[in-house]
Amino acid sequence: MTEQYVLLWSQSQNALHIETLAKHASLNRAAYADNTPGDYRLLVAGTREEVEATAANIRPTMALRDIMQMRSAA
């Protein structure tokens, strides 16, 4: 079976992160057990190629958000 990956997005950091589904589930279980808050949101799960393709498709939106944030801070 092909290993599954997840694409995560952080609103506060305007950043993407890719990790295996197994690692993501393990970290979420630990966060639940410790009652730890989190910022990253799962956007998509799939093969590494599918996740990378989705990340490439949404990077322009993230770049635009960075520009808008810099303008509003000025």
Foldseek 3Di string as FASTA:
>chain_A
DAFKKWWKAFPVVLDIDIDTPVVVVVVVVVCVVVVHDDGIDTDDMDHPVVNVVVCVVCVVVSVVVVVVVVVVVD
